[in-house]
Amino acid sequence: MNKTTKIRLSGLGGQGVVTAAHILGFAATRDGKQSTVNPFFGAEKRLAPADSYVRISSDKIYERGEILDPNIVMVFHPHVITQGKCYSVPFFEGLMPGGTIIINSEEELTLNDENIKELKSLNAKITYVSATKISVDIAGTELATNMSMLGALLEVTGIVSDESLEAALIDRFRGGKFVASGTTAALDDALKDKYKKITQLIEMNMKVVRESRKHIKEVSI
């Protein structure tokens, strides 16, 4: 039976949510899988809600567009949960039973009783990672937060290989043709400007990936 893993990435403008989805989809393709990537955002401005949807399967994928029934929800910023800055309310809307939630936060977030009850009924697995802190500590910039989140995803799910993730990163910053928006391209350029050589950018981002894999925390609901 065809089993498609559906991933919803929710964050804020400027965090590289769209870029992370593209890199993840390309990495899956490098691993010999099928993938589709669909970004979704409103106004192109910093801290505005931004979502991306990634489907990964060993077989052909026929679905496109928004994911309403994710297996995995990645929360790139605490405000997605604490301030409702997302297109899906609650943030885990549609999560499949046994689904996984990965949250970028240095501390556990307070959920209301209704959300806790629903997450328990879904037997959801919740993992925290201090993605932004790791990004700043290792790469010296918040712009690598998305790579830290992808590192956590790899550690929790093993959905793509490290080798393919690195290949996707190289493709992205060495002339890959994918550009989702002017803002995304500007963020790419800002990240490139931090390093003298693209090889340094790749090495530092992969270091962020590896470090984040060491610092994930699964919590009980």
C-alpha atoms as a PDB file:
ATOM      1  CA  MET A   1       0.000   0.000   0.000  1.00  0.00           C
ATOM      2  CA  ASN A   2       1.253   3.469  -0.850  1.00  0.00           C
ATOM      3  CA  LYS A   3       2.340   5.285   2.313  1.00  0.00           C
ATOM      4  CA  THR A   4       2.897   8.990   1.914  1.00  0.00           C
ATOM      5  CA  THR A   5       4.430  10.955   4.763  1.00  0.00           C
ATOM      6  CA  LYS A   6       2.858  14.388   4.946  1.00  0.00           C
ATOM      7  CA  ILE A   7       4.787  17.178   6.646  1.00  0.00           C
ATOM      8  CA  ARG A   8       3.457  20.613   7.506  1.00  0.00           C
ATOM      9  CA  LEU A   9       6.076  23.253   8.301  1.00  0.00           C
ATOM     10  CA  SER A  10       4.675  26.268  10.147  1.00  0.00           C
ATOM     11  CA  GLY A  11       6.709  29.326  11.035  1.00  0.00           C
ATOM     12  CA  LEU A  12       7.110  33.037  10.537  1.00  0.00           C
ATOM     13  CA  GLY A  13       8.446  35.008   7.608  1.00  0.00           C
ATOM     14  CA  GLY A  14      12.234  35.198   7.628  1.00  0.00           C
ATOM     15  CA  GLN A  15      12.824  31.794   9.231  1.00  0.00           C
ATOM     16  CA  GLY A  16      13.457  29.917   6.003  1.00  0.00           C
ATOM     17  CA  VAL A  17      10.380  27.685   6.164  1.00  0.00           C
ATOM     18  CA  VAL A  18      10.047  27.673   2.375  1.00  0.00           C
ATOM     19  CA  THR A  19      13.757  26.967   1.903  1.00  0.00           C
ATOM     20  CA  ALA A  20      13.642  24.119   4.437  1.00  0.00           C
ATOM     21  CA  ALA A  21      10.762  22.486   2.566  1.00  0.00           C
ATOM     22  CA  HIS A  22      12.591  22.730  -0.756  1.00  0.00           C
ATOM     23  CA  ILE A  23      15.790  21.234   0.699  1.00  0.00           C
ATOM     24  CA  LEU A  24      13.826  18.423   2.356  1.00  0.00           C
ATOM     25  CA  GLY A  25      11.951  17.584  -0.842  1.00  0.00           C
ATOM     26  CA  PHE A  26      15.124  17.555  -2.899  1.00  0.00           C
ATOM     27  CA  ALA A  27      16.865  15.354  -0.309  1.00  0.00           C
ATOM     28  CA  ALA A  28      14.006  12.843  -0.525  1.00  0.00           C
ATOM     29  CA  THR A  29      14.388  12.760  -4.295  1.00  0.00           C
ATOM     30  CA  ARG A  30      18.124  12.125  -3.912  1.00  0.00           C
ATOM     31  CA  ASP A  31      17.224   9.180  -1.685  1.00  0.00           C
ATOM     32  CA  GLY A  32      15.197   7.699  -4.537  1.00  0.00           C
ATOM     33  CA  LYS A  33      11.797   8.730  -3.191  1.00  0.00           C
ATOM     34  CA  GLN A  34       9.022  10.828  -4.683  1.00  0.00           C
ATOM     35  CA  SER A  35       8.297  14.262  -3.229  1.00  0.00           C
ATOM     36  CA  THR A  36       6.165  17.334  -3.740  1.00  0.00           C
ATOM     37  CA  VAL A  37       6.691  20.742  -2.148  1.00  0.00           C
ATOM     38  CA  ASN A  38       4.103  23.509  -1.870  1.00  0.00           C
ATOM     39  CA  PRO A  39       4.772  26.811  -0.068  1.00  0.00           C
ATOM     40  CA  PHE A  40       1.903  28.881   1.307  1.00  0.00           C
ATOM     41  CA  PHE A  41       2.167  32.403   2.694  1.00  0.00           C
ATOM     42  CA  GLY A  42       0.284  35.684   2.620  1.00  0.00           C
ATOM     43  CA  ALA A  43       2.056  39.017   2.839  1.00  0.00           C
ATOM     44  CA  GLU A  44       5.793  38.682   2.230  1.00  0.00           C
ATOM     45  CA  LYS A  45       7.016  40.314   5.402  1.00  0.00           C
ATOM     46  CA  ARG A  46       9.085  39.322   8.372  1.00  0.00           C
ATOM     47  CA  LEU A  47       7.201  37.542  11.178  1.00  0.00           C
ATOM     48  CA  ALA A  48       4.045  37.014   9.114  1.00  0.00           C
ATOM     49  CA  PRO A  49       2.748  33.402   9.145  1.00  0.00           C
ATOM     50  CA  ALA A  50       4.393  31.135   6.566  1.00  0.00           C
ATOM     51  CA  ASP A  51       3.643  27.478   5.869  1.00  0.00           C
ATOM     52  CA  SER A  52       5.082  24.883   3.544  1.00  0.00           C
ATOM     53  CA  TYR A  53       3.850  21.392   2.757  1.00  0.00           C
ATOM     54  CA  VAL A  54       6.038  18.430   1.846  1.00  0.00           C
ATOM     55  CA  ARG A  55       4.858  15.008   0.760  1.00  0.00           C
ATOM     56  CA  ILE A  56       7.344  12.118   0.604  1.00  0.00           C
ATOM     57  CA  SER A  57       6.586   8.632  -0.677  1.00  0.00           C
ATOM     58  CA  SER A  58       8.189   5.562  -2.214  1.00  0.00           C
ATOM     59  CA  ASP A  59       5.469   5.669  -4.887  1.00  0.00           C
ATOM     60  CA  LYS A  60       4.042   8.296  -7.210  1.00  0.00           C
ATOM     61  CA  ILE A  61       2.293  11.158  -5.425  1.00  0.00           C
ATOM     62  CA  TYR A  62      -0.979  12.394  -6.863  1.00  0.00           C
ATOM     63  CA  GLU A  63      -1.922  14.952  -4.194  1.00  0.00           C
ATOM     64  CA  ARG A  64      -0.818  18.563  -4.352  1.00  0.00           C
ATOM     65  CA  GLY A  65      -1.334  21.713  -2.344  1.00  0.00           C
ATOM     66  CA  GLU A  66      -2.230  22.211   1.314  1.00  0.00           C
ATOM     67  CA  ILE A  67      -1.850  19.293   3.698  1.00  0.00           C
ATOM     68  CA  LEU A  68      -4.910  18.859   5.921  1.00  0.00           C
ATOM     69  CA  ASP A  69      -3.893  15.558   7.536  1.00  0.00           C
ATOM     70  CA  PRO A  70      -0.175  15.764   8.396  1.00  0.00           C
ATOM     71  CA  ASN A  71       1.836  12.941   9.913  1.00  0.00           C
ATOM     72  CA  ILE A  72       4.436  15.466  11.050  1.00  0.00           C
ATOM     73  CA  VAL A  73       4.026  19.083  12.144  1.00  0.00           C
ATOM     74  CA  MET A  74       7.147  21.244  12.439  1.00  0.00           C
ATOM     75  CA  VAL A  75       6.738  24.453  14.457  1.00  0.00           C
ATOM     76  CA  PHE A  76       9.545  26.884  13.636  1.00  0.00           C
ATOM     77  CA  HIS A  77       8.601  29.584  16.156  1.00  0.00           C
ATOM     78  CA  PRO A  78       6.851  29.493  19.579  1.00  0.00           C
ATOM     79  CA  HIS A  79       4.442  32.243  18.441  1.00  0.00           C
ATOM     80  CA  VAL A  80       2.853  29.733  16.072  1.00  0.00           C
ATOM     81  CA  ILE A  81       1.480  28.134  19.250  1.00  0.00           C
ATOM     82  CA  THR A  82       1.399  30.889  21.868  1.00  0.00           C
ATOM     83  CA  GLN A  83      -0.011  33.629  19.607  1.00  0.00           C
ATOM     84  CA  GLY A  84      -1.786  31.550  16.999  1.00  0.00           C
ATOM     85  CA  LYS A  85       0.418  32.844  14.170  1.00  0.00           C
ATOM     86  CA  CYS A  86      -0.410  30.043  11.766  1.00  0.00           C
ATOM     87  CA  TYR A  87      -2.919  29.094   9.107  1.00  0.00           C
ATOM     88  CA  SER A  88      -4.041  25.977  11.011  1.00  0.00           C
ATOM     89  CA  VAL A  89      -5.768  26.428  14.369  1.00  0.00           C
ATOM     90  CA  PRO A  90      -4.928  24.717  16.601  1.00  0.00           C
ATOM     91  CA  PHE A  91      -1.374  24.364  15.318  1.00  0.00           C
ATOM     92  CA  PHE A  92      -1.709  20.577  15.096  1.00  0.00           C
ATOM     93  CA  GLU A  93      -5.052  20.623  13.253  1.00  0.00           C
ATOM     94  CA  GLY A  94      -5.600  17.419  11.281  1.00  0.00           C
ATOM     95  CA  LEU A  95      -2.620  15.587  12.838  1.00  0.00           C
ATOM     96  CA  MET A  96      -2.919  11.877  12.191  1.00  0.00           C
ATOM     97  CA  PRO A  97      -3.004   9.413  15.125  1.00  0.00           C
ATOM     98  CA  GLY A  98       0.524   8.648  16.306  1.00  0.00           C
ATOM     99  CA  GLY A  99       1.776  11.781  14.558  1.00  0.00           C
ATOM    100  CA  THR A 100       4.903  13.710  15.431  1.00  0.00           C
ATOM    101  CA  ILE A 101       5.284  17.365  16.432  1.00  0.00           C
ATOM    102  CA  ILE A 102       8.701  19.079  16.476  1.00  0.00           C
ATOM    103  CA  ILE A 103       8.815  22.473  18.199  1.00  0.00           C
ATOM    104  CA  ASN A 104      11.565  25.080  18.136  1.00  0.00           C
ATOM    105  CA  SER A 105      11.677  26.431  21.672  1.00  0.00           C
ATOM    106  CA  GLU A 106      14.155  26.632  24.520  1.00  0.00           C
ATOM    107  CA  GLU A 107      11.434  25.706  26.997  1.00  0.00           C
ATOM    108  CA  GLU A 108       8.281  23.635  27.019  1.00  0.00           C
ATOM    109  CA  LEU A 109       5.237  25.654  25.999  1.00  0.00           C
ATOM    110  CA  THR A 110       1.997  25.755  27.951  1.00  0.00           C
ATOM    111  CA  LEU A 111      -0.900  24.177  26.087  1.00  0.00           C
ATOM    112  CA  ASN A 112      -4.526  24.587  27.065  1.00  0.00           C
ATOM    113  CA  ASP A 113      -6.456  21.669  28.543  1.00  0.00           C
ATOM    114  CA  GLU A 114      -8.446  21.076  25.355  1.00  0.00           C
ATOM    115  CA  ASN A 115      -5.305  20.806  23.240  1.00  0.00           C
ATOM    116  CA  ILE A 116      -3.659  18.484  25.750  1.00  0.00           C
ATOM    117  CA  LYS A 117      -6.712  16.224  25.780  1.00  0.00           C
ATOM    118  CA  GLU A 118      -6.813  16.042  21.983  1.00  0.00           C
ATOM    119  CA  LEU A 119      -3.080  15.399  21.654  1.00  0.00           C
ATOM    120  CA  LYS A 120      -3.320  12.594  24.198  1.00  0.00           C
ATOM    121  CA  SER A 121      -6.202  11.028  22.278  1.00  0.00           C
ATOM    122  CA  LEU A 122      -4.039  11.143  19.129  1.00  0.00           C
ATOM    123  CA  ASN A 123      -1.089   9.566  20.965  1.00  0.00           C
ATOM    124  CA  ALA A 124       0.984  12.413  19.534  1.00  0.00           C
ATOM    125  CA  LYS A 125       4.741  12.480  20.022  1.00  0.00           C
ATOM    126  CA  ILE A 126       6.131  15.923  20.924  1.00  0.00           C
ATOM    127  CA  THR A 127       9.805  16.807  20.601  1.00  0.00           C
ATOM    128  CA  TYR A 128      11.495  20.098  21.443  1.00  0.00           C
ATOM    129  CA  VAL A 129      14.732  21.468  20.023  1.00  0.00           C
ATOM    130  CA  SER A 130      16.368  24.845  20.690  1.00  0.00           C
ATOM    131  CA  ALA A 131      16.806  25.344  16.959  1.00  0.00           C
ATOM    132  CA  THR A 132      17.349  29.094  16.956  1.00  0.00           C
ATOM    133  CA  LYS A 133      19.808  28.979  19.861  1.00  0.00           C
ATOM    134  CA  ILE A 134      21.781  26.187  18.191  1.00  0.00           C
ATOM    135  CA  SER A 135      21.800  28.180  14.950  1.00  0.00           C
ATOM    136  CA  VAL A 136      23.179  31.280  16.660  1.00  0.00           C
ATOM    137  CA  ASP A 137      25.689  29.349  18.776  1.00  0.00           C
ATOM    138  CA  ILE A 138      27.087  27.303  15.876  1.00  0.00           C
ATOM    139  CA  ALA A 139      26.565  29.429  12.759  1.00  0.00           C
ATOM    140  CA  GLY A 140      26.412  32.885  14.339  1.00  0.00           C
ATOM    141  CA  THR A 141      23.039  33.644  12.748  1.00  0.00           C
ATOM    142  CA  GLU A 142      19.351  32.865  13.167  1.00  0.00           C
ATOM    143  CA  LEU A 143      19.201  32.226   9.416  1.00  0.00           C
ATOM    144  CA  ALA A 144      20.306  28.620   9.986  1.00  0.00           C
ATOM    145  CA  THR A 145      17.312  27.883  12.249  1.00  0.00           C
ATOM    146  CA  ASN A 146      15.678  25.969   9.408  1.00  0.00           C
ATOM    147  CA  MET A 147      18.679  23.665   9.093  1.00  0.00           C
ATOM    148  CA  SER A 148      18.570  23.008  12.818  1.00  0.00           C
ATOM    149  CA  MET A 149      14.907  22.050  12.491  1.00  0.00           C
ATOM    150  CA  LEU A 150      15.748  19.697   9.626  1.00  0.00           C
ATOM    151  CA  GLY A 151      18.437  18.118  11.793  1.00  0.00           C
ATOM    152  CA  ALA A 152      15.840  17.449  14.485  1.00  0.00           C
ATOM    153  CA  LEU A 153      13.501  15.973  11.871  1.00  0.00           C
ATOM    154  CA  LEU A 154      16.202  13.583  10.673  1.00  0.00           C
ATOM    155  CA  GLU A 155      16.973  12.485  14.217  1.00  0.00           C
ATOM    156  CA  VAL A 156      13.327  11.881  15.126  1.00  0.00           C
ATOM    157  CA  THR A 157      12.130  10.298  11.882  1.00  0.00           C
ATOM    158  CA  GLY A 158      15.120   9.358   9.699  1.00  0.00           C
ATOM    159  CA  ILE A 159      12.987  10.421   6.752  1.00  0.00           C
ATOM    160  CA  VAL A 160      16.001  11.359   4.582  1.00  0.00           C
ATOM    161  CA  SER A 161      19.710  10.649   4.834  1.00  0.00           C
ATOM    162  CA  ASP A 162      22.330  13.149   5.981  1.00  0.00           C
ATOM    163  CA  GLU A 163      24.147  12.654   2.685  1.00  0.00           C
ATOM    164  CA  SER A 164      21.107  13.579   0.627  1.00  0.00           C
ATOM    165  CA  LEU A 165      20.344  16.543   2.864  1.00  0.00           C
ATOM    166  CA  GLU A 166      23.848  17.870   2.271  1.00  0.00           C
ATOM    167  CA  ALA A 167      23.489  17.295  -1.487  1.00  0.00           C
ATOM    168  CA  ALA A 168      20.214  19.235  -1.433  1.00  0.00           C
ATOM    169  CA  LEU A 169      21.864  22.072   0.469  1.00  0.00           C
ATOM    170  CA  ILE A 170      24.656  22.225  -2.096  1.00  0.00           C
ATOM    171  CA  ASP A 171      22.120  22.314  -4.925  1.00  0.00           C
ATOM    172  CA  ARG A 172      20.224  25.113  -3.218  1.00  0.00           C
ATOM    173  CA  PHE A 173      23.184  27.421  -2.739  1.00  0.00           C
ATOM    174  CA  ARG A 174      25.301  26.497  -5.757  1.00  0.00           C
ATOM    175  CA  GLY A 175      22.922  27.614  -8.428  1.00  0.00           C
ATOM    176  CA  GLY A 176      19.756  25.570  -7.944  1.00  0.00           C
ATOM    177  CA  LYS A 177      16.944  27.127  -9.961  1.00  0.00           C
ATOM    178  CA  PHE A 178      14.198  26.981  -7.312  1.00  0.00           C
ATOM    179  CA  VAL A 179      13.041  30.417  -6.111  1.00  0.00           C
ATOM    180  CA  ALA A 180       9.715  30.631  -4.303  1.00  0.00           C
ATOM    181  CA  SER A 181       9.652  34.394  -3.865  1.00  0.00           C
ATOM    182  CA  GLY A 182      11.752  37.525  -3.855  1.00  0.00           C
ATOM    183  CA  THR A 183      11.946  37.396  -0.059  1.00  0.00           C
ATOM    184  CA  THR A 184      13.221  33.816  -0.088  1.00  0.00           C
ATOM    185  CA  ALA A 185      15.886  34.734  -2.632  1.00  0.00           C
ATOM    186  CA  ALA A 186      16.919  37.708  -0.483  1.00  0.00           C
ATOM    187  CA  LEU A 187      17.295  35.446   2.561  1.00  0.00           C
ATOM    188  CA  ASP A 188      19.439  33.064   0.524  1.00  0.00           C
ATOM    189  CA  ASP A 189      21.678  35.967  -0.477  1.00  0.00           C
ATOM    190  CA  ALA A 190      21.909  37.184   3.123  1.00  0.00           C
ATOM    191  CA  LEU A 191      23.063  33.757   4.228  1.00  0.00           C
ATOM    192  CA  LYS A 192      25.609  33.544   1.403  1.00  0.00           C
ATOM    193  CA  ASP A 193      26.996  36.947   2.371  1.00  0.00           C
ATOM    194  CA  LYS A 194      27.962  35.655   5.814  1.00  0.00           C
ATOM    195  CA  TYR A 195      30.576  33.341   4.344  1.00  0.00           C
ATOM    196  CA  LYS A 196      33.491  33.929   1.997  1.00  0.00           C
ATOM    197  CA  LYS A 197      32.901  30.655   0.187  1.00  0.00           C
ATOM    198  CA  ILE A 198      29.838  28.521  -0.488  1.00  0.00           C
ATOM    199  CA  THR A 199      31.763  25.534   0.876  1.00  0.00           C
ATOM    200  CA  GLN A 200      31.966  27.289   4.244  1.00  0.00           C
ATOM    201  CA  LEU A 201      28.213  27.916   4.183  1.00  0.00           C
ATOM    202  CA  ILE A 202      27.545  24.237   3.458  1.00  0.00           C
ATOM    203  CA  GLU A 203      29.942  23.020   6.151  1.00  0.00           C
ATOM    204  CA  MET A 204      28.526  25.352   8.809  1.00  0.00           C
ATOM    205  CA  ASN A 205      24.922  24.484   8.025  1.00  0.00           C
ATOM    206  CA  MET A 206      25.669  20.767   8.171  1.00  0.00           C
ATOM    207  CA  LYS A 207      27.383  21.362  11.507  1.00  0.00           C
ATOM    208  CA  VAL A 208      24.127  22.937  12.703  1.00  0.00           C
ATOM    209  CA  VAL A 209      22.235  19.866  11.456  1.00  0.00           C
ATOM    210  CA  ARG A 210      24.538  17.499  13.332  1.00  0.00           C
ATOM    211  CA  GLU A 211      24.460  19.545  16.525  1.00  0.00           C
ATOM    212  CA  SER A 212      20.672  19.777  16.597  1.00  0.00           C
ATOM    213  CA  ARG A 213      20.444  15.994  16.364  1.00  0.00           C
ATOM    214  CA  LYS A 214      22.212  15.818  19.743  1.00  0.00           C
ATOM    215  CA  HIS A 215      19.868  18.212  21.528  1.00  0.00           C
ATOM    216  CA  ILE A 216      16.306  17.048  21.061  1.00  0.00           C
ATOM    217  CA  LYS A 217      13.959  16.416  23.949  1.00  0.00           C
ATOM    218  CA  GLU A 218      10.841  14.276  23.749  1.00  0.00           C
ATOM    219  CA  VAL A 219       8.219  15.251  26.318  1.00  0.00           C
ATOM    220  CA  SER A 220       5.163  13.571  27.740  1.00  0.00           C
ATOM    221  CA  ILE A 221       1.831  15.270  27.276  1.00  0.00           C
END
